[in-house]
Amino acid sequence: RPLEEPGWSWLQLAAVILVPSCLMCVGVLLGVVVVQGHCWAHKQDLEEPLDDQMLMSSDKCLKDLIYDMSTSGSGS
């Protein structure tokens, strides 16, 4: 009967390398998803919905509204 070599078998070595590597990859992916979800939710909170009350006022006629929407604001 041959003596066993000291150390780990190839299966044990593969498990010791692959399991922590896979767990680390899953952790990084979950972290990215959480951060992206938080940023997306924060961005949605900052955007105010366009309200008809903001566009329509009693002192503006249709011509004024069209002019306001068509100007670029860059001095044109």
Protein backbone atom coordinates (compact mmCIF):
# COMPACT_ATOMS: atom_id res chain seq x y z
CA ARG A 1 0.00 0.00 0.00
CA PRO A 2 1.56 3.35 -1.05
CA LEU A 3 1.86 6.15 1.45
CA GLU A 4 -0.36 9.15 0.83
CA GLU A 5 1.36 12.40 0.01
CA PRO A 6 0.96 15.10 2.63
CA GLY A 7 -1.28 18.00 1.58
CA TRP A 8 -4.60 18.39 -0.11
CA SER A 9 -6.04 16.45 -3.00
CA TRP A 10 -6.86 18.30 -6.20
CA LEU A 11 -10.57 18.26 -5.33
CA GLN A 12 -9.99 19.82 -1.92
CA LEU A 13 -7.68 22.43 -3.40
CA ALA A 14 -10.22 23.31 -6.10
CA ALA A 15 -12.98 23.63 -3.48
CA VAL A 16 -10.82 25.83 -1.26
CA ILE A 17 -10.12 28.16 -4.20
CA LEU A 18 -13.49 28.13 -6.00
CA VAL A 19 -15.91 28.45 -3.08
CA PRO A 20 -14.46 31.68 -1.63
CA SER A 21 -13.97 33.08 -5.14
CA CYS A 22 -17.60 32.42 -6.07
CA LEU A 23 -18.84 33.86 -2.78
CA MET A 24 -16.75 36.99 -3.32
CA CYS A 25 -18.13 37.42 -6.87
CA VAL A 26 -21.71 37.03 -5.64
CA GLY A 27 -21.03 39.56 -2.88
CA VAL A 28 -19.58 42.08 -5.34
CA LEU A 29 -22.54 41.63 -7.71
CA LEU A 30 -25.03 42.06 -4.87
CA GLY A 31 -23.19 45.19 -3.75
CA VAL A 32 -23.34 46.65 -7.26
CA VAL A 33 -27.06 45.87 -7.54
CA VAL A 34 -27.78 47.49 -4.16
CA VAL A 35 -25.77 50.62 -4.97
CA GLN A 36 -27.34 50.95 -8.43
CA GLY A 37 -30.81 50.45 -6.99
CA HIS A 38 -30.16 53.09 -4.35
CA CYS A 39 -28.84 55.56 -6.94
CA TRP A 40 -31.79 54.86 -9.26
CA ALA A 41 -34.31 55.35 -6.43
CA HIS A 42 -32.57 58.57 -5.36
CA LYS A 43 -32.62 59.87 -8.93
CA GLN A 44 -36.35 59.11 -9.21
CA ASP A 45 -36.99 61.09 -6.02
CA LEU A 46 -35.16 64.12 -7.40
CA GLU A 47 -37.15 64.27 -10.62
CA GLU A 48 -40.36 66.17 -10.19
CA PRO A 49 -43.24 65.16 -12.39
CA LEU A 50 -44.27 67.68 -15.01
CA ASP A 51 -47.51 69.15 -13.88
CA ASP A 52 -50.14 70.83 -16.03
CA GLN A 53 -50.47 73.49 -13.36
CA MET A 54 -46.81 74.44 -13.85
CA LEU A 55 -47.31 74.92 -17.60
CA MET A 56 -50.72 76.49 -17.62
CA SER A 57 -51.28 79.77 -15.90
CA SER A 58 -54.08 82.24 -16.35
CA ASP A 59 -51.84 84.99 -17.74
CA LYS A 60 -50.26 82.89 -20.53
CA CYS A 61 -51.81 82.27 -23.89
CA LEU A 62 -51.03 79.34 -26.22
CA LYS A 63 -48.52 81.44 -28.18
CA ASP A 64 -46.54 82.14 -24.99
CA LEU A 65 -46.52 78.46 -24.02
CA ILE A 66 -45.26 77.41 -27.45
CA TYR A 67 -42.54 80.07 -27.31
CA ASP A 68 -41.46 78.93 -23.82
CA MET A 69 -41.18 75.31 -24.95
CA SER A 70 -39.31 76.09 -28.16
CA THR A 71 -36.50 78.24 -26.81
CA SER A 72 -33.29 76.52 -25.87
CA GLY A 73 -32.28 78.95 -23.15
CA SER A 74 -28.86 79.41 -24.71
CA GLY A 75 -29.45 82.94 -25.88
CA SER A 76 -31.13 82.07 -29.15
